[in-house]
Amino acid sequence: MSHDLTTQFEALLGQRVTIRLHDEGSGFRDIVGVLESAHSLRNRHGQLIEFSHSEIFIWRRVIAKA
């Protein structure tokens, strides 16, 4: 699955996405921003957030309002 996800994310480089990650413990955390690589995004504060594909619970592309 990681290879498929890498291919999908590479097609979305430069686009806004939201990713829900399994958090340590029993919860989840969401990260939102512009995808910079298959393993990182830049949030609205300019921070580069890196993630592992094994942490991903669900993700989607964020479509801008018209």
PDB file of N, CA and C in Angstrom:
ATOM      1  N   MET A   1       0.816  -1.199   0.000  1.00  0.00           N
ATOM      2  CA  MET A   1       0.000   0.000   0.000  1.00  0.00           C
ATOM      3  C   MET A   1       0.857   1.260   0.000  1.00  0.00           C
ATOM      4  N   SER A   2       2.000   1.237   0.624  1.00  0.00           N
ATOM      5  CA  SER A   2       2.844   2.415   0.718  1.00  0.00           C
ATOM      6  C   SER A   2       3.249   2.927  -0.665  1.00  0.00           C
ATOM      7  N   HIS A   3       3.564   2.010  -1.584  1.00  0.00           N
ATOM      8  CA  HIS A   3       3.936   2.425  -2.938  1.00  0.00           C
ATOM      9  C   HIS A   3       2.754   3.102  -3.639  1.00  0.00           C
ATOM     10  N   ASP A   4       1.551   2.542  -3.482  1.00  0.00           N
ATOM     11  CA  ASP A   4       0.360   3.141  -4.080  1.00  0.00           C
ATOM     12  C   ASP A   4       0.107   4.524  -3.508  1.00  0.00           C
ATOM     13  N   LEU A   5       0.265   4.666  -2.196  1.00  0.00           N
ATOM     14  CA  LEU A   5       0.045   5.949  -1.543  1.00  0.00           C
ATOM     15  C   LEU A   5       1.086   6.966  -1.986  1.00  0.00           C
ATOM     16  N   THR A   6       2.326   6.543  -2.133  1.00  0.00           N
ATOM     17  CA  THR A   6       3.376   7.441  -2.621  1.00  0.00           C
ATOM     18  C   THR A   6       3.018   7.961  -4.006  1.00  0.00           C
ATOM     19  N   THR A   7       2.567   7.094  -4.884  1.00  0.00           N
ATOM     20  CA  THR A   7       2.178   7.489  -6.236  1.00  0.00           C
ATOM     21  C   THR A   7       1.011   8.476  -6.201  1.00  0.00           C
ATOM     22  N   GLN A   8       0.015   8.206  -5.361  1.00  0.00           N
ATOM     23  CA  GLN A   8      -1.139   9.103  -5.251  1.00  0.00           C
ATOM     24  C   GLN A   8      -0.723  10.463  -4.713  1.00  0.00           C
ATOM     25  N   PHE A   9       0.131  10.470  -3.683  1.00  0.00           N
ATOM     26  CA  PHE A   9       0.571  11.734  -3.095  1.00  0.00           C
ATOM     27  C   PHE A   9       1.453  12.522  -4.061  1.00  0.00           C
ATOM     28  N   GLU A  10       2.285  11.857  -4.825  1.00  0.00           N
ATOM     29  CA  GLU A  10       3.129  12.566  -5.794  1.00  0.00           C
ATOM     30  C   GLU A  10       2.270  13.290  -6.827  1.00  0.00           C
ATOM     31  N   ALA A  11       1.118  12.732  -7.159  1.00  0.00           N
ATOM     32  CA  ALA A  11       0.208  13.380  -8.099  1.00  0.00           C
ATOM     33  C   ALA A  11      -0.469  14.608  -7.486  1.00  0.00           C
ATOM     34  N   LEU A  12      -0.458  14.707  -6.157  1.00  0.00           N
ATOM     35  CA  LEU A  12      -1.116  15.816  -5.460  1.00  0.00           C
ATOM     36  C   LEU A  12      -0.141  16.864  -4.932  1.00  0.00           C
ATOM     37  N   LEU A  13       1.127  16.772  -5.289  1.00  0.00           N
ATOM     38  CA  LEU A  13       2.111  17.741  -4.791  1.00  0.00           C
ATOM     39  C   LEU A  13       1.658  19.160  -5.115  1.00  0.00           C
ATOM     40  N   GLY A  14       1.764  20.042  -4.116  1.00  0.00           N
ATOM     41  CA  GLY A  14       1.355  21.430  -4.291  1.00  0.00           C
ATOM     42  C   GLY A  14      -0.109  21.681  -4.007  1.00  0.00           C
ATOM     43  N   GLN A  15      -0.870  20.632  -3.720  1.00  0.00           N
ATOM     44  CA  GLN A  15      -2.290  20.792  -3.429  1.00  0.00           C
ATOM     45  C   GLN A  15      -2.536  20.661  -1.922  1.00  0.00           C
ATOM     46  N   ARG A  16      -3.659  21.184  -1.492  1.00  0.00           N
ATOM     47  CA  ARG A  16      -4.022  21.166  -0.070  1.00  0.00           C
ATOM     48  C   ARG A  16      -4.683  19.825   0.265  1.00  0.00           C
ATOM     49  N   VAL A  17      -4.242  19.223   1.364  1.00  0.00           N
ATOM     50  CA  VAL A  17      -4.794  17.943   1.811  1.00  0.00           C
ATOM     51  C   VAL A  17      -5.013  17.978   3.319  1.00  0.00           C
ATOM     52  N   THR A  18      -5.839  17.081   3.787  1.00  0.00           N
ATOM     53  CA  THR A  18      -5.995  16.843   5.212  1.00  0.00           C
ATOM     54  C   THR A  18      -5.713  15.362   5.445  1.00  0.00           C
ATOM     55  N   ILE A  19      -4.953  15.076   6.492  1.00  0.00           N
ATOM     56  CA  ILE A  19      -4.563  13.702   6.796  1.00  0.00           C
ATOM     57  C   ILE A  19      -4.836  13.429   8.265  1.00  0.00           C
ATOM     58  N   ARG A  20      -5.551  12.358   8.547  1.00  0.00           N
ATOM     59  CA  ARG A  20      -5.789  11.940   9.930  1.00  0.00           C
ATOM     60  C   ARG A  20      -4.787  10.837  10.256  1.00  0.00           C
ATOM     61  N   LEU A  21      -3.987  11.088  11.289  1.00  0.00           N
ATOM     62  CA  LEU A  21      -2.936  10.162  11.694  1.00  0.00           C
ATOM     63  C   LEU A  21      -3.299   9.471  12.991  1.00  0.00           C
ATOM     64  N   HIS A  22      -2.905   8.205  13.114  1.00  0.00           N
ATOM     65  CA  HIS A  22      -3.002   7.514  14.393  1.00  0.00           C
ATOM     66  C   HIS A  22      -2.023   8.207  15.331  1.00  0.00           C
ATOM     67  N   ASP A  23      -2.499   8.671  16.463  1.00  0.00           N
ATOM     68  CA  ASP A  23      -1.642   9.334  17.435  1.00  0.00           C
ATOM     69  C   ASP A  23      -1.168   8.312  18.449  1.00  0.00           C
ATOM     70  N   GLU A  24      -0.033   8.596  19.063  1.00  0.00           N
ATOM     71  CA  GLU A  24       0.437   7.691  20.119  1.00  0.00           C
ATOM     72  C   GLU A  24      -0.634   7.638  21.195  1.00  0.00           C
ATOM     73  N   GLY A  25      -0.864   6.482  21.731  1.00  0.00           N
ATOM     74  CA  GLY A  25      -1.968   6.288  22.653  1.00  0.00           C
ATOM     75  C   GLY A  25      -3.125   5.684  21.894  1.00  0.00           C
ATOM     76  N   SER A  26      -4.295   6.258  22.080  1.00  0.00           N
ATOM     77  CA  SER A  26      -5.464   5.658  21.438  1.00  0.00           C
ATOM     78  C   SER A  26      -6.214   6.600  20.512  1.00  0.00           C
ATOM     79  N   GLY A  27      -5.680   7.776  20.272  1.00  0.00           N
ATOM     80  CA  GLY A  27      -6.436   8.752  19.495  1.00  0.00           C
ATOM     81  C   GLY A  27      -5.896   9.011  18.110  1.00  0.00           C
ATOM     82  N   PHE A  28      -6.367  10.110  17.563  1.00  0.00           N
ATOM     83  CA  PHE A  28      -5.979  10.552  16.235  1.00  0.00           C
ATOM     84  C   PHE A  28      -5.601  12.025  16.304  1.00  0.00           C
ATOM     85  N   ARG A  29      -4.886  12.478  15.290  1.00  0.00           N
ATOM     86  CA  ARG A  29      -4.640  13.911  15.135  1.00  0.00           C
ATOM     87  C   ARG A  29      -4.709  14.218  13.649  1.00  0.00           C
ATOM     88  N   ASP A  30      -5.174  15.413  13.350  1.00  0.00           N
ATOM     89  CA  ASP A  30      -5.320  15.832  11.957  1.00  0.00           C
ATOM     90  C   ASP A  30      -4.241  16.844  11.612  1.00  0.00           C
ATOM     91  N   ILE A  31      -3.703  16.705  10.410  1.00  0.00           N
ATOM     92  CA  ILE A  31      -2.793  17.704   9.880  1.00  0.00           C
ATOM     93  C   ILE A  31      -3.368  18.179   8.553  1.00  0.00           C
ATOM     94  N   VAL A  32      -3.266  19.481   8.307  1.00  0.00           N
ATOM     95  CA  VAL A  32      -3.828  20.082   7.100  1.00  0.00           C
ATOM     96  C   VAL A  32      -2.790  21.016   6.517  1.00  0.00           C
ATOM     97  N   GLY A  33      -2.612  20.967   5.211  1.00  0.00           N
ATOM     98  CA  GLY A  33      -1.684  21.880   4.570  1.00  0.00           C
ATOM     99  C   GLY A  33      -1.418  21.498   3.133  1.00  0.00           C
ATOM    100  N   VAL A  34      -0.423  22.145   2.577  1.00  0.00           N
ATOM    101  CA  VAL A  34      -0.034  21.920   1.182  1.00  0.00           C
ATOM    102  C   VAL A  34       0.995  20.794   1.146  1.00  0.00           C
ATOM    103  N   LEU A  35       0.720  19.779   0.360  1.00  0.00           N
ATOM    104  CA  LEU A  35       1.596  18.625   0.250  1.00  0.00           C
ATOM    105  C   LEU A  35       2.895  19.021  -0.450  1.00  0.00           C
ATOM    106  N   GLU A  36       4.014  18.835   0.232  1.00  0.00           N
ATOM    107  CA  GLU A  36       5.315  19.197  -0.339  1.00  0.00           C
ATOM    108  C   GLU A  36       6.082  17.985  -0.843  1.00  0.00           C
ATOM    109  N   SER A  37       5.808  16.821  -0.262  1.00  0.00           N
ATOM    110  CA  SER A  37       6.402  15.571  -0.726  1.00  0.00           C
ATOM    111  C   SER A  37       5.435  14.461  -0.342  1.00  0.00           C
ATOM    112  N   ALA A  38       5.767  13.242  -0.698  1.00  0.00           N
ATOM    113  CA  ALA A  38       4.894  12.118  -0.358  1.00  0.00           C
ATOM    114  C   ALA A  38       4.880  11.850   1.144  1.00  0.00           C
ATOM    115  N   HIS A  39       5.774  12.519   1.891  1.00  0.00           N
ATOM    116  CA  HIS A  39       5.876  12.295   3.335  1.00  0.00           C
ATOM    117  C   HIS A  39       5.889  13.582   4.151  1.00  0.00           C
ATOM    118  N   SER A  40       5.487  14.706   3.538  1.00  0.00           N
ATOM    119  CA  SER A  40       5.479  15.956   4.302  1.00  0.00           C
ATOM    120  C   SER A  40       4.494  16.959   3.713  1.00  0.00           C
ATOM    121  N   LEU A  41       3.998  17.830   4.602  1.00  0.00           N
ATOM    122  CA  LEU A  41       3.155  18.936   4.165  1.00  0.00           C
ATOM    123  C   LEU A  41       3.526  20.173   4.964  1.00  0.00           C
ATOM    124  N   ARG A  42       3.165  21.340   4.424  1.00  0.00           N
ATOM    125  CA  ARG A  42       3.433  22.604   5.099  1.00  0.00           C
ATOM    126  C   ARG A  42       2.088  23.178   5.544  1.00  0.00           C
ATOM    127  N   ASN A  43       1.960  23.409   6.856  1.00  0.00           N
ATOM    128  CA  ASN A  43       0.690  23.901   7.381  1.00  0.00           C
ATOM    129  C   ASN A  43       0.580  25.414   7.212  1.00  0.00           C
ATOM    130  N   ARG A  44      -0.533  25.987   7.659  1.00  0.00           N
ATOM    131  CA  ARG A  44      -0.790  27.418   7.461  1.00  0.00           C
ATOM    132  C   ARG A  44       0.164  28.303   8.237  1.00  0.00           C
ATOM    133  N   HIS A  45       0.870  27.742   9.214  1.00  0.00           N
ATOM    134  CA  HIS A  45       1.846  28.499   9.996  1.00  0.00           C
ATOM    135  C   HIS A  45       3.242  28.420   9.383  1.00  0.00           C
ATOM    136  N   GLY A  46       3.368  27.723   8.255  1.00  0.00           N
ATOM    137  CA  GLY A  46       4.640  27.595   7.582  1.00  0.00           C
ATOM    138  C   GLY A  46       5.507  26.456   8.101  1.00  0.00           C
ATOM    139  N   GLN A  47       4.974  25.675   9.031  1.00  0.00           N
ATOM    140  CA  GLN A  47       5.734  24.558   9.596  1.00  0.00           C
ATOM    141  C   GLN A  47       5.683  23.358   8.652  1.00  0.00           C
ATOM    142  N   LEU A  48       6.833  22.716   8.465  1.00  0.00           N
ATOM    143  CA  LEU A  48       6.896  21.494   7.681  1.00  0.00           C
ATOM    144  C   LEU A  48       6.611  20.321   8.617  1.00  0.00           C
ATOM    145  N   ILE A  49       5.581  19.552   8.304  1.00  0.00           N
ATOM    146  CA  ILE A  49       5.194  18.415   9.130  1.00  0.00           C
ATOM    147  C   ILE A  49       5.453  17.145   8.336  1.00  0.00           C
ATOM    148  N   GLU A  50       6.259  16.279   8.906  1.00  0.00           N
ATOM    149  CA  GLU A  50       6.563  15.008   8.254  1.00  0.00           C
ATOM    150  C   GLU A  50       5.722  13.901   8.879  1.00  0.00           C
ATOM    151  N   PHE A  51       5.385  12.905   8.073  1.00  0.00           N
ATOM    152  CA  PHE A  51       4.560  11.799   8.540  1.00  0.00           C
ATOM    153  C   PHE A  51       4.981  10.533   7.815  1.00  0.00           C
ATOM    154  N   SER A  52       4.627   9.429   8.405  1.00  0.00           N
ATOM    155  CA  SER A  52       4.878   8.125   7.812  1.00  0.00           C
ATOM    156  C   SER A  52       3.566   7.582   7.261  1.00  0.00           C
ATOM    157  N   HIS A  53       3.631   6.894   6.153  1.00  0.00           N
ATOM    158  CA  HIS A  53       2.412   6.320   5.585  1.00  0.00           C
ATOM    159  C   HIS A  53       1.772   5.311   6.534  1.00  0.00           C
ATOM    160  N   SER A  54       2.553   4.685   7.375  1.00  0.00           N
ATOM    161  CA  SER A  54       2.000   3.701   8.318  1.00  0.00           C
ATOM    162  C   SER A  54       1.145   4.367   9.403  1.00  0.00           C
ATOM    163  N   GLU A  55       1.293   5.692   9.585  1.00  0.00           N
ATOM    164  CA  GLU A  55       0.512   6.431  10.582  1.00  0.00           C
ATOM    165  C   GLU A  55      -0.853   6.860  10.050  1.00  0.00           C
ATOM    166  N   ILE A  56      -1.043   6.834   8.740  1.00  0.00           N
ATOM    167  CA  ILE A  56      -2.250   7.398   8.131  1.00  0.00           C
ATOM    168  C   ILE A  56      -3.465   6.507   8.375  1.00  0.00           C
ATOM    169  N   PHE A  57      -4.526   7.138   8.878  1.00  0.00           N
ATOM    170  CA  PHE A  57      -5.811   6.453   9.039  1.00  0.00           C
ATOM    171  C   PHE A  57      -6.680   6.734   7.817  1.00  0.00           C
ATOM    172  N   ILE A  58      -6.756   8.010   7.433  1.00  0.00           N
ATOM    173  CA  ILE A  58      -7.535   8.426   6.266  1.00  0.00           C
ATOM    174  C   ILE A  58      -6.981   9.764   5.779  1.00  0.00           C
ATOM    175  N   TRP A  59      -7.177  10.061   4.512  1.00  0.00           N
ATOM    176  CA  TRP A  59      -6.739  11.338   3.969  1.00  0.00           C
ATOM    177  C   TRP A  59      -7.670  11.740   2.838  1.00  0.00           C
ATOM    178  N   ARG A  60      -7.617  13.043   2.479  1.00  0.00           N
ATOM    179  CA  ARG A  60      -8.375  13.520   1.314  1.00  0.00           C
ATOM    180  C   ARG A  60      -7.802  14.845   0.851  1.00  0.00           C
ATOM    181  N   ARG A  61      -8.047  15.139  -0.393  1.00  0.00           N
ATOM    182  CA  ARG A  61      -7.674  16.445  -0.957  1.00  0.00           C
ATOM    183  C   ARG A  61      -8.726  17.453  -0.530  1.00  0.00           C
ATOM    184  N   VAL A  62      -8.300  18.643  -0.169  1.00  0.00           N
ATOM    185  CA  VAL A  62      -9.212  19.705   0.222  1.00  0.00           C
ATOM    186  C   VAL A  62      -9.495  20.559  -1.007  1.00  0.00           C
ATOM    187  N   ILE A  63     -10.755  20.668  -1.349  1.00  0.00           N
ATOM    188  CA  ILE A  63     -11.162  21.435  -2.519  1.00  0.00           C
ATOM    189  C   ILE A  63     -11.554  22.841  -2.065  1.00  0.00           C
ATOM    190  N   ALA A  64     -10.982  23.848  -2.699  1.00  0.00           N
ATOM    191  CA  ALA A  64     -11.263  25.231  -2.342  1.00  0.00           C
ATOM    192  C   ALA A  64     -12.698  25.593  -2.686  1.00  0.00           C
ATOM    193  N   LYS A  65     -13.286  26.445  -1.863  1.00  0.00           N
ATOM    194  CA  LYS A  65     -14.639  26.930  -2.146  1.00  0.00           C
ATOM    195  C   LYS A  65     -14.608  27.848  -3.348  1.00  0.00           C
ATOM    196  N   ALA A  66     -15.652  27.780  -4.133  1.00  0.00           N
ATOM    197  CA  ALA A  66     -15.716  28.614  -5.349  1.00  0.00           C
ATOM    198  C   ALA A  66     -16.200  29.995  -5.013  1.00  0.00           C
TER     199      ALA A  66
END
